[in-house]
Amino acid sequence: LLIPNSAEIVEASEHEDRFGGTMN
């Protein structure tokens, strides 16, 4: 119940890659 399905894991991973950096 607590472990997300593979699609959710992929989506979370993709969004994780987007976070970070400084916009100058």
PDB file of all heavy atoms in Angstrom:
ATOM      1  N   LEU A   1       0.819  -1.212   0.000  1.00  0.00           N
ATOM      2  CA  LEU A   1       0.000   0.000   0.000  1.00  0.00           C
ATOM      3  C   LEU A   1       0.853   1.262   0.000  1.00  0.00           C
ATOM      4  O   LEU A   1       0.498   2.277  -0.575  1.00  0.00           O
ATOM      5  CB  LEU A   1      -0.940   0.007   1.211  1.00  0.00           C
ATOM      6  CG  LEU A   1      -2.093  -1.003   1.189  1.00  0.00           C
ATOM      7  CD1 LEU A   1      -2.817  -1.020   2.524  1.00  0.00           C
ATOM      8  CD2 LEU A   1      -3.068  -0.674   0.057  1.00  0.00           C
ATOM      9  N   LEU A   2       1.986   1.205   0.694  1.00  0.00           N
ATOM     10  CA  LEU A   2       2.804   2.398   0.847  1.00  0.00           C
ATOM     11  C   LEU A   2       3.752   2.627  -0.326  1.00  0.00           C
ATOM     12  O   LEU A   2       4.140   3.745  -0.618  1.00  0.00           O
ATOM     13  CB  LEU A   2       3.625   2.303   2.141  1.00  0.00           C
ATOM     14  CG  LEU A   2       2.815   2.397   3.449  1.00  0.00           C
ATOM     15  CD1 LEU A   2       3.736   2.238   4.653  1.00  0.00           C
ATOM     16  CD2 LEU A   2       2.064   3.713   3.529  1.00  0.00           C
ATOM     17  N   ILE A   3       4.144   1.558  -1.018  1.00  0.00           N
ATOM     18  CA  ILE A   3       5.083   1.709  -2.133  1.00  0.00           C
ATOM     19  C   ILE A   3       4.320   2.137  -3.380  1.00  0.00           C
ATOM     20  O   ILE A   3       3.374   1.475  -3.791  1.00  0.00           O
ATOM     21  CB  ILE A   3       5.826   0.387  -2.413  1.00  0.00           C
ATOM     22  CG1 ILE A   3       6.730   0.036  -1.229  1.00  0.00           C
ATOM     23  CG2 ILE A   3       6.651   0.490  -3.693  1.00  0.00           C
ATOM     24  CD1 ILE A   3       7.463  -1.285  -1.386  1.00  0.00           C
ATOM     25  N   PRO A   4       4.715   3.256  -4.018  1.00  0.00           N
ATOM     26  CA  PRO A   4       4.027   3.682  -5.233  1.00  0.00           C
ATOM     27  C   PRO A   4       4.291   2.726  -6.377  1.00  0.00           C
ATOM     28  O   PRO A   4       5.257   1.969  -6.368  1.00  0.00           O
ATOM     29  CB  PRO A   4       4.630   5.067  -5.506  1.00  0.00           C
ATOM     30  CG  PRO A   4       5.985   5.027  -4.861  1.00  0.00           C
ATOM     31  CD  PRO A   4       5.834   4.145  -3.651  1.00  0.00           C
ATOM     32  N   ASN A   5       3.397   2.786  -7.377  1.00  0.00           N
ATOM     33  CA  ASN A   5       3.612   1.931  -8.541  1.00  0.00           C
ATOM     34  C   ASN A   5       4.756   2.484  -9.388  1.00  0.00           C
ATOM     35  O   ASN A   5       5.264   3.573  -9.152  1.00  0.00           O
ATOM     36  CB  ASN A   5       2.319   1.782  -9.361  1.00  0.00           C
ATOM     37  CG  ASN A   5       1.818   3.103  -9.912  1.00  0.00           C
ATOM     38  OD1 ASN A   5       2.607   3.950 -10.315  1.00  0.00           O
ATOM     39  ND2 ASN A   5       0.507   3.291  -9.917  1.00  0.00           N
ATOM     40  N   SER A   6       5.136   1.748 -10.417  1.00  0.00           N
ATOM     41  CA  SER A   6       6.317   2.123 -11.203  1.00  0.00           C
ATOM     42  C   SER A   6       6.140   3.457 -11.903  1.00  0.00           C
ATOM     43  O   SER A   6       7.083   4.230 -12.015  1.00  0.00           O
ATOM     44  CB  SER A   6       6.614   1.030 -12.231  1.00  0.00           C
ATOM     45  OG  SER A   6       5.498   0.834 -13.094  1.00  0.00           O
ATOM     46  N   ALA A   7       4.898   3.741 -12.365  1.00  0.00           N
ATOM     47  CA  ALA A   7       4.652   5.015 -13.053  1.00  0.00           C
ATOM     48  C   ALA A   7       4.882   6.176 -12.100  1.00  0.00           C
ATOM     49  O   ALA A   7       5.471   7.202 -12.468  1.00  0.00           O
ATOM     50  CB  ALA A   7       3.230   5.051 -13.605  1.00  0.00           C
ATOM     51  N   GLU A   8       4.415   6.015 -10.831  1.00  0.00           N
ATOM     52  CA  GLU A   8       4.601   7.073  -9.849  1.00  0.00           C
ATOM     53  C   GLU A   8       6.075   7.262  -9.525  1.00  0.00           C
ATOM     54  O   GLU A   8       6.545   8.376  -9.314  1.00  0.00           O
ATOM     55  CB  GLU A   8       3.807   6.744  -8.586  1.00  0.00           C
ATOM     56  CG  GLU A   8       2.293   6.826  -8.791  1.00  0.00           C
ATOM     57  CD  GLU A   8       1.525   6.343  -7.569  1.00  0.00           C
ATOM     58  OE1 GLU A   8       2.075   5.471  -6.862  1.00  0.00           O
ATOM     59  OE2 GLU A   8       0.422   6.834  -7.326  1.00  0.00           O
ATOM     60  N   ILE A   9       6.823   6.148  -9.467  1.00  0.00           N
ATOM     61  CA  ILE A   9       8.257   6.233  -9.190  1.00  0.00           C
ATOM     62  C   ILE A   9       8.962   6.996 -10.297  1.00  0.00           C
ATOM     63  O   ILE A   9       9.774   7.887 -10.042  1.00  0.00           O
ATOM     64  CB  ILE A   9       8.857   4.819  -9.041  1.00  0.00           C
ATOM     65  CG1 ILE A   9       8.311   4.136  -7.777  1.00  0.00           C
ATOM     66  CG2 ILE A   9      10.380   4.892  -8.988  1.00  0.00           C
ATOM     67  CD1 ILE A   9       8.740   2.695  -7.632  1.00  0.00           C
ATOM     68  N   VAL A  10       8.637   6.684 -11.553  1.00  0.00           N
ATOM     69  CA  VAL A  10       9.257   7.372 -12.690  1.00  0.00           C
ATOM     70  C   VAL A  10       8.923   8.858 -12.660  1.00  0.00           C
ATOM     71  O   VAL A  10       9.790   9.719 -12.828  1.00  0.00           O
ATOM     72  CB  VAL A  10       8.779   6.739 -14.022  1.00  0.00           C
ATOM     73  CG1 VAL A  10       9.242   7.597 -15.195  1.00  0.00           C
ATOM     74  CG2 VAL A  10       9.324   5.325 -14.151  1.00  0.00           C
ATOM     75  N   GLU A  11       7.623   9.164 -12.384  1.00  0.00           N
ATOM     76  CA  GLU A  11       7.209  10.571 -12.361  1.00  0.00           C
ATOM     77  C   GLU A  11       7.928  11.324 -11.259  1.00  0.00           C
ATOM     78  O   GLU A  11       8.416  12.434 -11.463  1.00  0.00           O
ATOM     79  CB  GLU A  11       5.692  10.658 -12.154  1.00  0.00           C
ATOM     80  CG  GLU A  11       5.171  12.087 -12.200  1.00  0.00           C
ATOM     81  CD  GLU A  11       3.670  12.144 -12.014  1.00  0.00           C
ATOM     82  OE1 GLU A  11       3.062  11.089 -11.787  1.00  0.00           O
ATOM     83  OE2 GLU A  11       3.121  13.253 -12.077  1.00  0.00           O
ATOM     84  N   ALA A  12       8.012  10.720 -10.068  1.00  0.00           N
ATOM     85  CA  ALA A  12       8.693  11.372  -8.954  1.00  0.00           C
ATOM     86  C   ALA A  12      10.167  11.603  -9.284  1.00  0.00           C
ATOM     87  O   ALA A  12      10.734  12.643  -8.984  1.00  0.00           O
ATOM     88  CB  ALA A  12       8.552  10.530  -7.692  1.00  0.00           C
ATOM     89  N   SER A  13      10.776  10.615  -9.926  1.00  0.00           N
ATOM     90  CA  SER A  13      12.180  10.735 -10.296  1.00  0.00           C
ATOM     91  C   SER A  13      12.388  11.871 -11.293  1.00  0.00           C
ATOM     92  O   SER A  13      13.327  12.654 -11.169  1.00  0.00           O
ATOM     93  CB  SER A  13      12.670   9.412 -10.890  1.00  0.00           C
ATOM     94  OG  SER A  13      13.992   9.535 -11.349  1.00  0.00           O
ATOM     95  N   GLU A  14      11.508  11.970 -12.282  1.00  0.00           N
ATOM     96  CA  GLU A  14      11.613  13.041 -13.279  1.00  0.00           C
ATOM     97  C   GLU A  14      11.481  14.405 -12.625  1.00  0.00           C
ATOM     98  O   GLU A  14      12.241  15.324 -12.906  1.00  0.00           O
ATOM     99  CB  GLU A  14      10.540  12.851 -14.357  1.00  0.00           C
ATOM    100  CG  GLU A  14      10.791  11.687 -15.284  1.00  0.00           C
ATOM    101  CD  GLU A  14       9.665  11.499 -16.286  1.00  0.00           C
ATOM    102  OE1 GLU A  14       8.611  12.137 -16.105  1.00  0.00           O
ATOM    103  OE2 GLU A  14       9.853  10.713 -17.221  1.00  0.00           O
ATOM    104  N   HIS A  15      10.520  14.559 -11.734  1.00  0.00           N
ATOM    105  CA  HIS A  15      10.322  15.841 -11.069  1.00  0.00           C
ATOM    106  C   HIS A  15      11.485  16.153 -10.140  1.00  0.00           C
ATOM    107  O   HIS A  15      11.858  17.315  -9.991  1.00  0.00           O
ATOM    108  CB  HIS A  15       9.005  15.846 -10.295  1.00  0.00           C
ATOM    109  CG  HIS A  15       7.810  16.008 -11.176  1.00  0.00           C
ATOM    110  ND1 HIS A  15       7.445  17.223 -11.693  1.00  0.00           N
ATOM    111  CD2 HIS A  15       6.908  15.120 -11.641  1.00  0.00           C
ATOM    112  CE1 HIS A  15       6.351  17.085 -12.444  1.00  0.00           C
ATOM    113  NE2 HIS A  15       6.012  15.809 -12.422  1.00  0.00           N
ATOM    114  N   GLU A  16      12.044  15.125  -9.527  1.00  0.00           N
ATOM    115  CA  GLU A  16      13.189  15.329  -8.641  1.00  0.00           C
ATOM    116  C   GLU A  16      14.354  15.935  -9.412  1.00  0.00           C
ATOM    117  O   GLU A  16      15.087  16.796  -8.888  1.00  0.00           O
ATOM    118  CB  GLU A  16      13.596  13.992  -8.010  1.00  0.00           C
ATOM    119  CG  GLU A  16      14.633  14.126  -6.909  1.00  0.00           C
ATOM    120  CD  GLU A  16      14.098  14.848  -5.681  1.00  0.00           C
ATOM    121  OE1 GLU A  16      12.879  14.761  -5.419  1.00  0.00           O
ATOM    122  OE2 GLU A  16      14.900  15.515  -4.997  1.00  0.00           O
ATOM    123  N   ASP A  17      14.525  15.519 -10.656  1.00  0.00           N
ATOM    124  CA  ASP A  17      15.614  16.038 -11.478  1.00  0.00           C
ATOM    125  C   ASP A  17      15.435  17.527 -11.793  1.00  0.00           C
ATOM    126  O   ASP A  17      16.407  18.205 -12.128  1.00  0.00           O
ATOM    127  CB  ASP A  17      15.702  15.263 -12.795  1.00  0.00           C
ATOM    128  CG  ASP A  17      16.147  13.828 -12.590  1.00  0.00           C
ATOM    129  OD1 ASP A  17      16.697  13.552 -11.506  1.00  0.00           O
ATOM    130  OD2 ASP A  17      15.937  12.991 -13.485  1.00  0.00           O
ATOM    131  N   ARG A  18      14.221  18.008 -11.708  1.00  0.00           N
ATOM    132  CA  ARG A  18      13.956  19.398 -12.066  1.00  0.00           C
ATOM    133  C   ARG A  18      14.322  20.385 -10.949  1.00  0.00           C
ATOM    134  O   ARG A  18      14.518  21.562 -11.201  1.00  0.00           O
ATOM    135  CB  ARG A  18      12.473  19.575 -12.406  1.00  0.00           C
ATOM    136  CG  ARG A  18      12.030  18.842 -13.648  1.00  0.00           C
ATOM    137  CD  ARG A  18      10.542  19.020 -13.873  1.00  0.00           C
ATOM    138  NE  ARG A  18      10.073  18.302 -15.054  1.00  0.00           N
ATOM    139  CZ  ARG A  18       8.810  18.266 -15.454  1.00  0.00           C
ATOM    140  NH1 ARG A  18       7.886  18.902 -14.750  1.00  0.00           N
ATOM    141  NH2 ARG A  18       8.479  17.587 -16.536  1.00  0.00           N
ATOM    142  N   PHE A  19      14.380  19.913  -9.726  1.00  0.00           N
ATOM    143  CA  PHE A  19      14.578  20.819  -8.603  1.00  0.00           C
ATOM    144  C   PHE A  19      16.040  21.213  -8.450  1.00  0.00           C
ATOM    145  O   PHE A  19      16.954  20.412  -8.637  1.00  0.00           O
ATOM    146  CB  PHE A  19      14.077  20.165  -7.305  1.00  0.00           C
ATOM    147  CG  PHE A  19      12.585  20.156  -7.174  1.00  0.00           C
ATOM    148  CD1 PHE A  19      11.846  19.078  -7.646  1.00  0.00           C
ATOM    149  CD2 PHE A  19      11.914  21.230  -6.606  1.00  0.00           C
ATOM    150  CE1 PHE A  19      10.465  19.063  -7.534  1.00  0.00           C
ATOM    151  CE2 PHE A  19      10.537  21.219  -6.497  1.00  0.00           C
ATOM    152  CZ  PHE A  19       9.798  20.138  -6.962  1.00  0.00           C
ATOM    153  N   GLY A  20      16.245  22.500  -8.092  1.00  0.00           N
ATOM    154  CA  GLY A  20      17.587  22.987  -7.799  1.00  0.00           C
ATOM    155  C   GLY A  20      18.042  24.083  -8.734  1.00  0.00           C
ATOM    156  O   GLY A  20      17.403  24.398  -9.739  1.00  0.00           O
ATOM    157  N   GLY A  21      19.161  24.678  -8.394  1.00  0.00           N
ATOM    158  CA  GLY A  21      19.761  25.711  -9.230  1.00  0.00           C
ATOM    159  C   GLY A  21      19.353  27.112  -8.831  1.00  0.00           C
ATOM    160  O   GLY A  21      18.425  27.325  -8.054  1.00  0.00           O
ATOM    161  N   THR A  22      20.071  28.071  -9.388  1.00  0.00           N
ATOM    162  CA  THR A  22      19.808  29.487  -9.153  1.00  0.00           C
ATOM    163  C   THR A  22      19.506  30.172 -10.470  1.00  0.00           C
ATOM    164  O   THR A  22      20.264  30.017 -11.434  1.00  0.00           O
ATOM    165  CB  THR A  22      21.011  30.173  -8.486  1.00  0.00           C
ATOM    166  OG1 THR A  22      21.222  29.604  -7.186  1.00  0.00           O
ATOM    167  CG2 THR A  22      20.777  31.673  -8.338  1.00  0.00           C
ATOM    168  N   MET A  23      18.403  30.867 -10.527  1.00  0.00           N
ATOM    169  CA  MET A  23      18.026  31.644 -11.713  1.00  0.00           C
ATOM    170  C   MET A  23      18.572  33.059 -11.546  1.00  0.00           C
ATOM    171  O   MET A  23      18.112  33.818 -10.692  1.00  0.00           O
ATOM    172  CB  MET A  23      16.501  31.676 -11.850  1.00  0.00           C
ATOM    173  CG  MET A  23      16.012  32.301 -13.140  1.00  0.00           C
ATOM    174  SD  MET A  23      16.261  31.176 -14.531  1.00  0.00           S
ATOM    175  CE  MET A  23      15.770  32.228 -15.902  1.00  0.00           C
ATOM    176  N   ASN A  24      19.576  33.403 -12.349  1.00  0.00           N
ATOM    177  CA  ASN A  24      20.188  34.729 -12.301  1.00  0.00           C
ATOM    178  C   ASN A  24      19.593  35.605 -13.395  1.00  0.00           C
ATOM    179  O   ASN A  24      19.691  35.286 -14.581  1.00  0.00           O
ATOM    180  CB  ASN A  24      21.704  34.628 -12.467  1.00  0.00           C
ATOM    181  CG  ASN A  24      22.358  33.963 -11.271  1.00  0.00           C
ATOM    182  OD1 ASN A  24      22.310  34.490 -10.171  1.00  0.00           O
ATOM    183  ND2 ASN A  24      22.960  32.801 -11.485  1.00  0.00           N
TER     184      ASN A  24
END
